[in-house]
Amino acid sequence: MSRQSRYALRLLRREWLPDILEALAPGPLQYRTLLDNVRANNSNSGEADQNSSRRDIQESVLNRTLAKMRELGLIDKDRDTGFPYHTTYRITAAGQELLDALVPLMHWAQRHSPPPPDSGPE
């Protein structure tokens, strides 16, 4: 059991993996829309303010993360054959199963995360 839990934790260390799964949960997205959704969700979460090392995802990072997620079988990629070309990503059954497993962990984190640092006197 511990070997499998270490594998799951290594998988989740990929910084943007949960964000991408969450963005794809409602349905397939074209690349640009996926990028915009991940950026919007990150800026709305307040994480960027609390953790200055976490900024908007760069396209190169998104591309590497998407390639790894495809390799792991968490997402699928479709590319239109006609011009203009559009690349669409969708979550696989394995990706949905991982996201479903993450939901209780996210709820736990909401309940047990320390409060944000005090911004000082106003």
PDB file of N, CA and C in Angstrom:
ATOM      1  N   MET A   1       0.818  -1.197   0.000  1.00  0.00           N
ATOM      2  CA  MET A   1       0.000   0.000   0.000  1.00  0.00           C
ATOM      3  C   MET A   1       0.859   1.257   0.000  1.00  0.00           C
ATOM      4  N   SER A   2       1.955   1.271   0.728  1.00  0.00           N
ATOM      5  CA  SER A   2       2.750   2.493   0.811  1.00  0.00           C
ATOM      6  C   SER A   2       3.400   2.824  -0.535  1.00  0.00           C
ATOM      7  N   ARG A   3       3.754   1.816  -1.322  1.00  0.00           N
ATOM      8  CA  ARG A   3       4.341   2.073  -2.641  1.00  0.00           C
ATOM      9  C   ARG A   3       3.330   2.793  -3.532  1.00  0.00           C
ATOM     10  N   GLN A   4       2.089   2.365  -3.483  1.00  0.00           N
ATOM     11  CA  GLN A   4       1.052   2.997  -4.281  1.00  0.00           C
ATOM     12  C   GLN A   4       0.762   4.423  -3.799  1.00  0.00           C
ATOM     13  N   SER A   5       0.767   4.622  -2.485  1.00  0.00           N
ATOM     14  CA  SER A   5       0.505   5.977  -1.980  1.00  0.00           C
ATOM     15  C   SER A   5       1.655   6.912  -2.339  1.00  0.00           C
ATOM     16  N   ARG A   6       2.890   6.416  -2.342  1.00  0.00           N
ATOM     17  CA  ARG A   6       4.028   7.247  -2.773  1.00  0.00           C
ATOM     18  C   ARG A   6       3.894   7.598  -4.247  1.00  0.00           C
ATOM     19  N   TYR A   7       3.433   6.651  -5.066  1.00  0.00           N
ATOM     20  CA  TYR A   7       3.213   6.933  -6.483  1.00  0.00           C
ATOM     21  C   TYR A   7       2.168   8.038  -6.647  1.00  0.00           C
ATOM     22  N   ALA A   8       1.062   7.936  -5.913  1.00  0.00           N
ATOM     23  CA  ALA A   8       0.000   8.940  -6.008  1.00  0.00           C
ATOM     24  C   ALA A   8       0.517  10.315  -5.580  1.00  0.00           C
ATOM     25  N   LEU A   9       1.297  10.355  -4.516  1.00  0.00           N
ATOM     26  CA  LEU A   9       1.834  11.639  -4.059  1.00  0.00           C
ATOM     27  C   LEU A   9       2.821  12.227  -5.067  1.00  0.00           C
ATOM     28  N   ARG A  10       3.654  11.388  -5.667  1.00  0.00           N
ATOM     29  CA  ARG A  10       4.573  11.886  -6.717  1.00  0.00           C
ATOM     30  C   ARG A  10       3.781  12.447  -7.887  1.00  0.00           C
ATOM     31  N   LEU A  11       2.723  11.774  -8.242  1.00  0.00           N
ATOM     32  CA  LEU A  11       1.886  12.221  -9.343  1.00  0.00           C
ATOM     33  C   LEU A  11       1.289  13.590  -9.038  1.00  0.00           C
ATOM     34  N   LEU A  12       0.825  13.774  -7.821  1.00  0.00           N
ATOM     35  CA  LEU A  12       0.169  15.029  -7.447  1.00  0.00           C
ATOM     36  C   LEU A  12       1.150  16.166  -7.211  1.00  0.00           C
ATOM     37  N   ARG A  13       2.433  15.869  -7.125  1.00  0.00           N
ATOM     38  CA  ARG A  13       3.432  16.930  -6.993  1.00  0.00           C
ATOM     39  C   ARG A  13       3.571  17.742  -8.269  1.00  0.00           C
ATOM     40  N   ARG A  14       3.065  17.212  -9.352  1.00  0.00           N
ATOM     41  CA  ARG A  14       3.083  17.986 -10.598  1.00  0.00           C
ATOM     42  C   ARG A  14       2.147  19.165 -10.389  1.00  0.00           C
ATOM     43  N   GLU A  15       2.767  20.332 -10.289  1.00  0.00           N
ATOM     44  CA  GLU A  15       2.090  21.519  -9.795  1.00  0.00           C
ATOM     45  C   GLU A  15       0.747  21.823 -10.453  1.00  0.00           C
ATOM     46  N   TRP A  16       0.627  21.661 -11.748  1.00  0.00           N
ATOM     47  CA  TRP A  16      -0.577  22.093 -12.445  1.00  0.00           C
ATOM     48  C   TRP A  16      -1.540  20.953 -12.747  1.00  0.00           C
ATOM     49  N   LEU A  17      -1.186  19.730 -12.439  1.00  0.00           N
ATOM     50  CA  LEU A  17      -2.020  18.586 -12.766  1.00  0.00           C
ATOM     51  C   LEU A  17      -3.440  18.705 -12.201  1.00  0.00           C
ATOM     52  N   PRO A  18      -3.615  19.004 -10.920  1.00  0.00           N
ATOM     53  CA  PRO A  18      -4.989  19.123 -10.412  1.00  0.00           C
ATOM     54  C   PRO A  18      -5.769  20.258 -11.085  1.00  0.00           C
ATOM     55  N   ASP A  19      -5.086  21.362 -11.385  1.00  0.00           N
ATOM     56  CA  ASP A  19      -5.749  22.496 -12.035  1.00  0.00           C
ATOM     57  C   ASP A  19      -6.264  22.103 -13.422  1.00  0.00           C
ATOM     58  N   ILE A  20      -5.467  21.345 -14.143  1.00  0.00           N
ATOM     59  CA  ILE A  20      -5.851  20.926 -15.494  1.00  0.00           C
ATOM     60  C   ILE A  20      -6.998  19.927 -15.433  1.00  0.00           C
ATOM     61  N   LEU A  21      -6.929  18.981 -14.507  1.00  0.00           N
ATOM     62  CA  LEU A  21      -8.046  18.036 -14.349  1.00  0.00           C
ATOM     63  C   LEU A  21      -9.335  18.776 -14.022  1.00  0.00           C
ATOM     64  N   GLU A  22      -9.248  19.731 -13.119  1.00  0.00           N
ATOM     65  CA  GLU A  22     -10.433  20.496 -12.732  1.00  0.00           C
ATOM     66  C   GLU A  22     -10.989  21.287 -13.917  1.00  0.00           C
ATOM     67  N   ALA A  23     -10.105  21.872 -14.716  1.00  0.00           N
ATOM     68  CA  ALA A  23     -10.562  22.647 -15.876  1.00  0.00           C
ATOM     69  C   ALA A  23     -11.239  21.761 -16.915  1.00  0.00           C
ATOM     70  N   LEU A  24     -10.768  20.522 -17.056  1.00  0.00           N
ATOM     71  CA  LEU A  24     -11.327  19.610 -18.060  1.00  0.00           C
ATOM     72  C   LEU A  24     -12.542  18.827 -17.561  1.00  0.00           C
ATOM     73  N   ALA A  25     -12.828  18.895 -16.276  1.00  0.00           N
ATOM     74  CA  ALA A  25     -13.931  18.111 -15.712  1.00  0.00           C
ATOM     75  C   ALA A  25     -15.280  18.378 -16.387  1.00  0.00           C
ATOM     76  N   PRO A  26     -15.636  19.631 -16.690  1.00  0.00           N
ATOM     77  CA  PRO A  26     -16.940  19.867 -17.324  1.00  0.00           C
ATOM     78  C   PRO A  26     -17.045  19.339 -18.751  1.00  0.00           C
ATOM     79  N   GLY A  27     -15.905  19.169 -19.427  1.00  0.00           N
ATOM     80  CA  GLY A  27     -15.944  18.672 -20.797  1.00  0.00           C
ATOM     81  C   GLY A  27     -14.694  19.063 -21.566  1.00  0.00           C
ATOM     82  N   PRO A  28     -14.573  18.567 -22.803  1.00  0.00           N
ATOM     83  CA  PRO A  28     -13.383  18.842 -23.607  1.00  0.00           C
ATOM     84  C   PRO A  28     -13.188  20.342 -23.837  1.00  0.00           C
ATOM     85  N   LEU A  29     -11.927  20.736 -23.914  1.00  0.00           N
ATOM     86  CA  LEU A  29     -11.583  22.134 -24.159  1.00  0.00           C
ATOM     87  C   LEU A  29     -10.492  22.230 -25.211  1.00  0.00           C
ATOM     88  N   GLN A  30     -10.597  23.259 -26.042  1.00  0.00           N
ATOM     89  CA  GLN A  30      -9.501  23.556 -26.955  1.00  0.00           C
ATOM     90  C   GLN A  30      -8.344  24.127 -26.140  1.00  0.00           C
ATOM     91  N   TYR A  31      -7.150  23.992 -26.706  1.00  0.00           N
ATOM     92  CA  TYR A  31      -5.924  24.356 -25.999  1.00  0.00           C
ATOM     93  C   TYR A  31      -6.005  25.763 -25.406  1.00  0.00           C
ATOM     94  N   ARG A  32      -6.335  26.756 -26.200  1.00  0.00           N
ATOM     95  CA  ARG A  32      -6.332  28.155 -25.726  1.00  0.00           C
ATOM     96  C   ARG A  32      -7.345  28.346 -24.607  1.00  0.00           C
ATOM     97  N   THR A  33      -8.515  27.747 -24.720  1.00  0.00           N
ATOM     98  CA  THR A  33      -9.526  27.855 -23.670  1.00  0.00           C
ATOM     99  C   THR A  33      -9.051  27.173 -22.396  1.00  0.00           C
ATOM    100  N   LEU A  34      -8.391  26.036 -22.540  1.00  0.00           N
ATOM    101  CA  LEU A  34      -7.835  25.334 -21.377  1.00  0.00           C
ATOM    102  C   LEU A  34      -6.810  26.218 -20.679  1.00  0.00           C
ATOM    103  N   LEU A  35      -5.910  26.808 -21.426  1.00  0.00           N
ATOM    104  CA  LEU A  35      -4.896  27.704 -20.857  1.00  0.00           C
ATOM    105  C   LEU A  35      -5.563  28.860 -20.122  1.00  0.00           C
ATOM    106  N   ASP A  36      -6.531  29.492 -20.761  1.00  0.00           N
ATOM    107  CA  ASP A  36      -7.228  30.622 -20.140  1.00  0.00           C
ATOM    108  C   ASP A  36      -7.963  30.203 -18.872  1.00  0.00           C
ATOM    109  N   ASN A  37      -8.612  29.037 -18.888  1.00  0.00           N
ATOM    110  CA  ASN A  37      -9.350  28.557 -17.714  1.00  0.00           C
ATOM    111  C   ASN A  37      -8.424  28.256 -16.544  1.00  0.00           C
ATOM    112  N   VAL A  38      -7.288  27.616 -16.816  1.00  0.00           N
ATOM    113  CA  VAL A  38      -6.342  27.311 -15.741  1.00  0.00           C
ATOM    114  C   VAL A  38      -5.808  28.613 -15.154  1.00  0.00           C
ATOM    115  N   ARG A  39      -5.479  29.564 -16.007  1.00  0.00           N
ATOM    116  CA  ARG A  39      -4.990  30.869 -15.513  1.00  0.00           C
ATOM    117  C   ARG A  39      -6.068  31.578 -14.695  1.00  0.00           C
ATOM    118  N   ALA A  40      -7.297  31.575 -15.182  1.00  0.00           N
ATOM    119  CA  ALA A  40      -8.386  32.257 -14.468  1.00  0.00           C
ATOM    120  C   ALA A  40      -8.654  31.593 -13.125  1.00  0.00           C
ATOM    121  N   ASN A  41      -8.687  30.263 -13.101  1.00  0.00           N
ATOM    122  CA  ASN A  41      -8.930  29.555 -11.839  1.00  0.00           C
ATOM    123  C   ASN A  41      -7.825  29.822 -10.836  1.00  0.00           C
ATOM    124  N   ASN A  42      -6.583  29.922 -11.307  1.00  0.00           N
ATOM    125  CA  ASN A  42      -5.459  30.187 -10.418  1.00  0.00           C
ATOM    126  C   ASN A  42      -5.550  31.600  -9.849  1.00  0.00           C
ATOM    127  N   SER A  43      -5.907  32.580 -10.676  1.00  0.00           N
ATOM    128  CA  SER A  43      -5.977  33.948 -10.178  1.00  0.00           C
ATOM    129  C   SER A  43      -7.184  34.146  -9.266  1.00  0.00           C
ATOM    130  N   ASN A  44      -8.259  33.395  -9.484  1.00  0.00           N
ATOM    131  CA  ASN A  44      -9.445  33.515  -8.637  1.00  0.00           C
ATOM    132  C   ASN A  44      -9.271  32.836  -7.295  1.00  0.00           C
ATOM    133  N   SER A  45      -8.340  31.885  -7.212  1.00  0.00           N
ATOM    134  CA  SER A  45      -8.197  31.119  -5.971  1.00  0.00           C
ATOM    135  C   SER A  45      -7.469  31.884  -4.888  1.00  0.00           C
ATOM    136  N   GLY A  46      -6.779  32.962  -5.247  1.00  0.00           N
ATOM    137  CA  GLY A  46      -6.010  33.706  -4.264  1.00  0.00           C
ATOM    138  C   GLY A  46      -4.661  33.093  -3.979  1.00  0.00           C
ATOM    139  N   GLU A  47      -4.363  31.928  -4.581  1.00  0.00           N
ATOM    140  CA  GLU A  47      -3.083  31.277  -4.329  1.00  0.00           C
ATOM    141  C   GLU A  47      -1.919  32.113  -4.804  1.00  0.00           C
ATOM    142  N   ALA A  48      -2.091  32.813  -5.905  1.00  0.00           N
ATOM    143  CA  ALA A  48      -0.993  33.604  -6.447  1.00  0.00           C
ATOM    144  C   ALA A  48      -0.576  34.677  -5.460  1.00  0.00           C
ATOM    145  N   ASP A  49      -1.540  35.224  -4.702  1.00  0.00           N
ATOM    146  CA  ASP A  49      -1.207  36.248  -3.726  1.00  0.00           C
ATOM    147  C   ASP A  49      -0.514  35.648  -2.515  1.00  0.00           C
ATOM    148  N   GLN A  50      -0.979  34.482  -2.073  1.00  0.00           N
ATOM    149  CA  GLN A  50      -0.429  33.861  -0.878  1.00  0.00           C
ATOM    150  C   GLN A  50       0.901  33.181  -1.138  1.00  0.00           C
ATOM    151  N   ASN A  51       1.130  32.755  -2.345  1.00  0.00           N
ATOM    152  CA  ASN A  51       2.349  32.034  -2.678  1.00  0.00           C
ATOM    153  C   ASN A  51       2.928  32.658  -3.938  1.00  0.00           C
ATOM    154  N   SER A  52       3.853  33.579  -3.756  1.00  0.00           N
ATOM    155  CA  SER A  52       4.358  34.342  -4.889  1.00  0.00           C
ATOM    156  C   SER A  52       5.100  33.482  -5.895  1.00  0.00           C
ATOM    157  N   SER A  53       5.520  32.272  -5.521  1.00  0.00           N
ATOM    158  CA  SER A  53       6.205  31.404  -6.477  1.00  0.00           C
ATOM    159  C   SER A  53       5.225  30.794  -7.481  1.00  0.00           C
ATOM    160  N   ARG A  54       3.930  30.866  -7.205  1.00  0.00           N
ATOM    161  CA  ARG A  54       2.928  30.298  -8.103  1.00  0.00           C
ATOM    162  C   ARG A  54       2.303  31.417  -8.908  1.00  0.00           C
ATOM    163  N   ARG A  55       2.667  31.492 -10.163  1.00  0.00           N
ATOM    164  CA  ARG A  55       2.161  32.530 -11.044  1.00  0.00           C
ATOM    165  C   ARG A  55       1.355  31.874 -12.158  1.00  0.00           C
ATOM    166  N   ASP A  56       0.945  32.682 -13.124  1.00  0.00           N
ATOM    167  CA  ASP A  56       0.234  32.136 -14.272  1.00  0.00           C
ATOM    168  C   ASP A  56       1.047  31.031 -14.926  1.00  0.00           C
ATOM    169  N   ILE A  57       0.367  30.002 -15.344  1.00  0.00           N
ATOM    170  CA  ILE A  57       1.031  28.902 -16.025  1.00  0.00           C
ATOM    171  C   ILE A  57       1.528  29.397 -17.389  1.00  0.00           C
ATOM    172  N   GLN A  58       2.752  29.083 -17.695  1.00  0.00           N
ATOM    173  CA  GLN A  58       3.327  29.418 -18.995  1.00  0.00           C
ATOM    174  C   GLN A  58       2.953  28.331 -19.993  1.00  0.00           C
ATOM    175  N   GLU A  59       2.888  28.694 -21.273  1.00  0.00           N
ATOM    176  CA  GLU A  59       2.499  27.725 -22.296  1.00  0.00           C
ATOM    177  C   GLU A  59       3.456  26.538 -22.339  1.00  0.00           C
ATOM    178  N   SER A  60       4.743  26.783 -22.162  1.00  0.00           N
ATOM    179  CA  SER A  60       5.700  25.670 -22.204  1.00  0.00           C
ATOM    180  C   SER A  60       5.452  24.692 -21.057  1.00  0.00           C
ATOM    181  N   VAL A  61       5.097  25.211 -19.896  1.00  0.00           N
ATOM    182  CA  VAL A  61       4.799  24.357 -18.736  1.00  0.00           C
ATOM    183  C   VAL A  61       3.501  23.596 -18.985  1.00  0.00           C
ATOM    184  N   LEU A  62       2.503  24.282 -19.537  1.00  0.00           N
ATOM    185  CA  LEU A  62       1.251  23.601 -19.862  1.00  0.00           C
ATOM    186  C   LEU A  62       1.502  22.477 -20.863  1.00  0.00           C
ATOM    187  N   ASN A  63       2.292  22.754 -21.885  1.00  0.00           N
ATOM    188  CA  ASN A  63       2.588  21.725 -22.900  1.00  0.00           C
ATOM    189  C   ASN A  63       3.273  20.513 -22.285  1.00  0.00           C
ATOM    190  N   ARG A  64       4.261  20.732 -21.426  1.00  0.00           N
ATOM    191  CA  ARG A  64       4.957  19.608 -20.771  1.00  0.00           C
ATOM    192  C   ARG A  64       4.015  18.830 -19.864  1.00  0.00           C
ATOM    193  N   THR A  65       3.173  19.557 -19.132  1.00  0.00           N
ATOM    194  CA  THR A  65       2.244  18.899 -18.215  1.00  0.00           C
ATOM    195  C   THR A  65       1.207  18.097 -18.989  1.00  0.00           C
ATOM    196  N   LEU A  66       0.687  18.669 -20.067  1.00  0.00           N
ATOM    197  CA  LEU A  66      -0.289  17.944 -20.888  1.00  0.00           C
ATOM    198  C   LEU A  66       0.334  16.686 -21.490  1.00  0.00           C
ATOM    199  N   ALA A  67       1.577  16.790 -21.965  1.00  0.00           N
ATOM    200  CA  ALA A  67       2.253  15.613 -22.537  1.00  0.00           C
ATOM    201  C   ALA A  67       2.403  14.520 -21.480  1.00  0.00           C
ATOM    202  N   LYS A  68       2.790  14.894 -20.266  1.00  0.00           N
ATOM    203  CA  LYS A  68       2.950  13.904 -19.197  1.00  0.00           C
ATOM    204  C   LYS A  68       1.598  13.299 -18.816  1.00  0.00           C
ATOM    205  N   MET A  69       0.570  14.129 -18.759  1.00  0.00           N
ATOM    206  CA  MET A  69      -0.758  13.626 -18.417  1.00  0.00           C
ATOM    207  C   MET A  69      -1.274  12.665 -19.479  1.00  0.00           C
ATOM    208  N   ARG A  70      -0.952  12.928 -20.741  1.00  0.00           N
ATOM    209  CA  ARG A  70      -1.327  11.992 -21.817  1.00  0.00           C
ATOM    210  C   ARG A  70      -0.564  10.687 -21.645  1.00  0.00           C
ATOM    211  N   GLU A  71       0.719  10.796 -21.334  1.00  0.00           N
ATOM    212  CA  GLU A  71       1.545   9.603 -21.124  1.00  0.00           C
ATOM    213  C   GLU A  71       0.998   8.744 -19.984  1.00  0.00           C
ATOM    214  N   LEU A  72       0.467   9.394 -18.961  1.00  0.00           N
ATOM    215  CA  LEU A  72      -0.089   8.692 -17.802  1.00  0.00           C
ATOM    216  C   LEU A  72      -1.515   8.200 -18.040  1.00  0.00           C
ATOM    217  N   GLY A  73      -2.107   8.575 -19.162  1.00  0.00           N
ATOM    218  CA  GLY A  73      -3.462   8.141 -19.479  1.00  0.00           C
ATOM    219  C   GLY A  73      -4.550   8.933 -18.775  1.00  0.00           C
ATOM    220  N   LEU A  74      -4.219  10.153 -18.317  1.00  0.00           N
ATOM    221  CA  LEU A  74      -5.192  10.964 -17.596  1.00  0.00           C
ATOM    222  C   LEU A  74      -6.027  11.842 -18.519  1.00  0.00           C
ATOM    223  N   ILE A  75      -5.478  12.171 -19.689  1.00  0.00           N
ATOM    224  CA  ILE A  75      -6.191  12.987 -20.667  1.00  0.00           C
ATOM    225  C   ILE A  75      -5.939  12.427 -22.061  1.00  0.00           C
ATOM    226  N   ASP A  76      -6.815  12.803 -22.992  1.00  0.00           N
ATOM    227  CA  ASP A  76      -6.654  12.482 -24.410  1.00  0.00           C
ATOM    228  C   ASP A  76      -6.551  13.782 -25.178  1.00  0.00           C
ATOM    229  N   LYS A  77      -5.918  13.706 -26.329  1.00  0.00           N
ATOM    230  CA  LYS A  77      -5.724  14.866 -27.191  1.00  0.00           C
ATOM    231  C   LYS A  77      -6.263  14.541 -28.571  1.00  0.00           C
ATOM    232  N   ASP A  78      -7.049  15.456 -29.127  1.00  0.00           N
ATOM    233  CA  ASP A  78      -7.550  15.325 -30.491  1.00  0.00           C
ATOM    234  C   ASP A  78      -7.134  16.575 -31.261  1.00  0.00           C
ATOM    235  N   ARG A  79      -6.697  16.375 -32.500  1.00  0.00           N
ATOM    236  CA  ARG A  79      -6.329  17.510 -33.341  1.00  0.00           C
ATOM    237  C   ARG A  79      -7.163  17.469 -34.599  1.00  0.00           C
ATOM    238  N   ASP A  80      -7.804  18.612 -34.907  1.00  0.00           N
ATOM    239  CA  ASP A  80      -8.602  18.708 -36.121  1.00  0.00           C
ATOM    240  C   ASP A  80      -7.725  18.443 -37.333  1.00  0.00           C
ATOM    241  N   THR A  81      -8.318  17.848 -38.348  1.00  0.00           N
ATOM    242  CA  THR A  81      -7.564  17.571 -39.576  1.00  0.00           C
ATOM    243  C   THR A  81      -7.623  18.732 -40.547  1.00  0.00           C
ATOM    244  N   GLY A  82      -8.622  19.583 -40.422  1.00  0.00           N
ATOM    245  CA  GLY A  82      -8.764  20.705 -41.338  1.00  0.00           C
ATOM    246  C   GLY A  82      -8.200  21.988 -40.770  1.00  0.00           C
ATOM    247  N   PHE A  83      -7.919  22.922 -41.679  1.00  0.00           N
ATOM    248  CA  PHE A  83      -7.386  24.212 -41.266  1.00  0.00           C
ATOM    249  C   PHE A  83      -8.540  25.136 -40.923  1.00  0.00           C
ATOM    250  N   PRO A  84      -8.511  25.958 -39.909  1.00  0.00           N
ATOM    251  CA  PRO A  84      -7.411  26.094 -38.959  1.00  0.00           C
ATOM    252  C   PRO A  84      -7.427  24.926 -37.967  1.00  0.00           C
ATOM    253  N   TYR A  85      -6.244  24.485 -37.603  1.00  0.00           N
ATOM    254  CA  TYR A  85      -6.100  23.345 -36.710  1.00  0.00           C
ATOM    255  C   TYR A  85      -6.437  23.754 -35.283  1.00  0.00           C
ATOM    256  N   HIS A  86      -7.189  22.905 -34.621  1.00  0.00           N
ATOM    257  CA  HIS A  86      -7.504  23.105 -33.211  1.00  0.00           C
ATOM    258  C   HIS A  86      -7.168  21.817 -32.479  1.00  0.00           C
ATOM    259  N   THR A  87      -6.542  21.961 -31.344  1.00  0.00           N
ATOM    260  CA  THR A  87      -6.239  20.823 -30.493  1.00  0.00           C
ATOM    261  C   THR A  87      -7.189  20.854 -29.311  1.00  0.00           C
ATOM    262  N   THR A  88      -7.842  19.745 -29.061  1.00  0.00           N
ATOM    263  CA  THR A  88      -8.815  19.634 -27.978  1.00  0.00           C
ATOM    264  C   THR A  88      -8.340  18.560 -27.006  1.00  0.00           C
ATOM    265  N   TYR A  89      -8.492  18.859 -25.725  1.00  0.00           N
ATOM    266  CA  TYR A  89      -8.123  17.919 -24.666  1.00  0.00           C
ATOM    267  C   TYR A  89      -9.375  17.527 -23.904  1.00  0.00           C
ATOM    268  N   ARG A  90      -9.399  16.263 -23.471  1.00  0.00           N
ATOM    269  CA  ARG A  90     -10.514  15.796 -22.648  1.00  0.00           C
ATOM    270  C   ARG A  90      -9.967  14.834 -21.591  1.00  0.00           C
ATOM    271  N   ILE A  91     -10.657  14.793 -20.490  1.00  0.00           N
ATOM    272  CA  ILE A  91     -10.264  13.937 -19.379  1.00  0.00           C
ATOM    273  C   ILE A  91     -10.663  12.496 -19.708  1.00  0.00           C
ATOM    274  N   THR A  92      -9.819  11.552 -19.351  1.00  0.00           N
ATOM    275  CA  THR A  92     -10.123  10.139 -19.547  1.00  0.00           C
ATOM    276  C   THR A  92     -10.815   9.594 -18.297  1.00  0.00           C
ATOM    277  N   ALA A  93     -11.240   8.355 -18.372  1.00  0.00           N
ATOM    278  CA  ALA A  93     -11.855   7.716 -17.197  1.00  0.00           C
ATOM    279  C   ALA A  93     -10.863   7.682 -16.033  1.00  0.00           C
ATOM    280  N   ALA A  94      -9.595   7.396 -16.319  1.00  0.00           N
ATOM    281  CA  ALA A  94      -8.577   7.375 -15.251  1.00  0.00           C
ATOM    282  C   ALA A  94      -8.380   8.773 -14.666  1.00  0.00           C
ATOM    283  N   GLY A  95      -8.402   9.800 -15.506  1.00  0.00           N
ATOM    284  CA  GLY A  95      -8.274  11.174 -15.027  1.00  0.00           C
ATOM    285  C   GLY A  95      -9.463  11.577 -14.176  1.00  0.00           C
ATOM    286  N   GLN A  96     -10.656  11.182 -14.579  1.00  0.00           N
ATOM    287  CA  GLN A  96     -11.856  11.487 -13.803  1.00  0.00           C
ATOM    288  C   GLN A  96     -11.821  10.768 -12.461  1.00  0.00           C
ATOM    289  N   GLU A  97     -11.341   9.532 -12.474  1.00  0.00           N
ATOM    290  CA  GLU A  97     -11.224   8.772 -11.220  1.00  0.00           C
ATOM    291  C   GLU A  97     -10.249   9.461 -10.263  1.00  0.00           C
ATOM    292  N   LEU A  98      -9.130   9.964 -10.798  1.00  0.00           N
ATOM    293  CA  LEU A  98      -8.165  10.690  -9.971  1.00  0.00           C
ATOM    294  C   LEU A  98      -8.795  11.970  -9.426  1.00  0.00           C
ATOM    295  N   LEU A  99      -9.496  12.705 -10.272  1.00  0.00           N
ATOM    296  CA  LEU A  99     -10.153  13.935  -9.819  1.00  0.00           C
ATOM    297  C   LEU A  99     -11.181  13.624  -8.737  1.00  0.00           C
ATOM    298  N   ASP A 100     -11.955  12.567  -8.922  1.00  0.00           N
ATOM    299  CA  ASP A 100     -12.938  12.174  -7.907  1.00  0.00           C
ATOM    300  C   ASP A 100     -12.257  11.847  -6.577  1.00  0.00           C
ATOM    301  N   ALA A 101     -11.079  11.245  -6.649  1.00  0.00           N
ATOM    302  CA  ALA A 101     -10.335  10.928  -5.424  1.00  0.00           C
ATOM    303  C   ALA A 101      -9.768  12.187  -4.777  1.00  0.00           C
ATOM    304  N   LEU A 102      -9.500  13.214  -5.572  1.00  0.00           N
ATOM    305  CA  LEU A 102      -8.943  14.465  -5.055  1.00  0.00           C
ATOM    306  C   LEU A 102      -9.975  15.320  -4.329  1.00  0.00           C
ATOM    307  N   VAL A 103     -11.235  15.195  -4.699  1.00  0.00           N
ATOM    308  CA  VAL A 103     -12.269  16.060  -4.125  1.00  0.00           C
ATOM    309  C   VAL A 103     -12.298  15.976  -2.593  1.00  0.00           C
ATOM    310  N   PRO A 104     -12.318  14.790  -1.983  1.00  0.00           N
ATOM    311  CA  PRO A 104     -12.289  14.755  -0.514  1.00  0.00           C
ATOM    312  C   PRO A 104     -11.020  15.374   0.063  1.00  0.00           C
ATOM    313  N   LEU A 105      -9.901  15.215  -0.621  1.00  0.00           N
ATOM    314  CA  LEU A 105      -8.647  15.822  -0.164  1.00  0.00           C
ATOM    315  C   LEU A 105      -8.743  17.350  -0.215  1.00  0.00           C
ATOM    316  N   MET A 106      -9.352  17.884  -1.276  1.00  0.00           N
ATOM    317  CA  MET A 106      -9.534  19.343  -1.381  1.00  0.00           C
ATOM    318  C   MET A 106     -10.449  19.852  -0.268  1.00  0.00           C
ATOM    319  N   HIS A 107     -11.511  19.087   0.045  1.00  0.00           N
ATOM    320  CA  HIS A 107     -12.404  19.490   1.138  1.00  0.00           C
ATOM    321  C   HIS A 107     -11.667  19.463   2.472  1.00  0.00           C
ATOM    322  N   TRP A 108     -10.844  18.449   2.669  1.00  0.00           N
ATOM    323  CA  TRP A 108     -10.043  18.372   3.898  1.00  0.00           C
ATOM    324  C   TRP A 108      -9.130  19.583   4.005  1.00  0.00           C
ATOM    325  N   ALA A 109      -8.468  19.942   2.892  1.00  0.00           N
ATOM    326  CA  ALA A 109      -7.557  21.090   2.895  1.00  0.00           C
ATOM    327  C   ALA A 109      -8.312  22.386   3.200  1.00  0.00           C
ATOM    328  N   GLN A 110      -9.524  22.526   2.687  1.00  0.00           N
ATOM    329  CA  GLN A 110     -10.315  23.725   2.986  1.00  0.00           C
ATOM    330  C   GLN A 110     -10.611  23.828   4.476  1.00  0.00           C
ATOM    331  N   ARG A 111     -10.888  22.691   5.094  1.00  0.00           N
ATOM    332  CA  ARG A 111     -11.221  22.688   6.525  1.00  0.00           C
ATOM    333  C   ARG A 111      -9.996  22.876   7.404  1.00  0.00           C
ATOM    334  N   HIS A 112      -8.825  22.454   6.960  1.00  0.00           N
ATOM    335  CA  HIS A 112      -7.663  22.414   7.839  1.00  0.00           C
ATOM    336  C   HIS A 112      -6.507  23.320   7.425  1.00  0.00           C
ATOM    337  N   SER A 113      -6.663  24.088   6.369  1.00  0.00           N
ATOM    338  CA  SER A 113      -5.595  24.999   5.953  1.00  0.00           C
ATOM    339  C   SER A 113      -5.485  26.141   6.945  1.00  0.00           C
ATOM    340  N   PRO A 114      -4.250  26.589   7.194  1.00  0.00           N
ATOM    341  CA  PRO A 114      -4.105  27.744   8.081  1.00  0.00           C
ATOM    342  C   PRO A 114      -4.718  28.977   7.425  1.00  0.00           C
ATOM    343  N   PRO A 115      -5.182  29.916   8.224  1.00  0.00           N
ATOM    344  CA  PRO A 115      -5.755  31.134   7.643  1.00  0.00           C
ATOM    345  C   PRO A 115      -4.676  31.913   6.895  1.00  0.00           C
ATOM    346  N   PRO A 116      -5.090  32.725   5.911  1.00  0.00           N
ATOM    347  CA  PRO A 116      -4.100  33.529   5.199  1.00  0.00           C
ATOM    348  C   PRO A 116      -3.410  34.487   6.140  1.00  0.00           C
ATOM    349  N   PRO A 117      -2.187  34.874   5.828  1.00  0.00           N
ATOM    350  CA  PRO A 117      -1.480  35.805   6.727  1.00  0.00           C
ATOM    351  C   PRO A 117      -2.249  37.121   6.822  1.00  0.00           C
ATOM    352  N   ASP A 118      -2.190  37.686   8.011  1.00  0.00           N
ATOM    353  CA  ASP A 118      -2.869  38.963   8.246  1.00  0.00           C
ATOM    354  C   ASP A 118      -2.227  40.043   7.400  1.00  0.00           C
ATOM    355  N   SER A 119      -3.047  40.830   6.731  1.00  0.00           N
ATOM    356  CA  SER A 119      -2.503  41.864   5.858  1.00  0.00           C
ATOM    357  C   SER A 119      -2.099  43.106   6.640  1.00  0.00           C
ATOM    358  N   GLY A 120      -2.227  43.071   7.955  1.00  0.00           N
ATOM    359  CA  GLY A 120      -1.807  44.212   8.769  1.00  0.00           C
ATOM    360  C   GLY A 120      -2.930  45.199   8.989  1.00  0.00           C
ATOM    361  N   PRO A 121      -2.639  46.268   9.719  1.00  0.00           N
ATOM    362  CA  PRO A 121      -3.680  47.248  10.005  1.00  0.00           C
ATOM    363  C   PRO A 121      -4.093  47.996   8.758  1.00  0.00           C
ATOM    364  N   GLU A 122      -5.352  48.351   8.722  1.00  0.00           N
ATOM    365  CA  GLU A 122      -5.873  49.069   7.548  1.00  0.00           C
ATOM    366  C   GLU A 122      -5.838  50.544   7.772  1.00  0.00           C
TER     367      GLU A 122
END
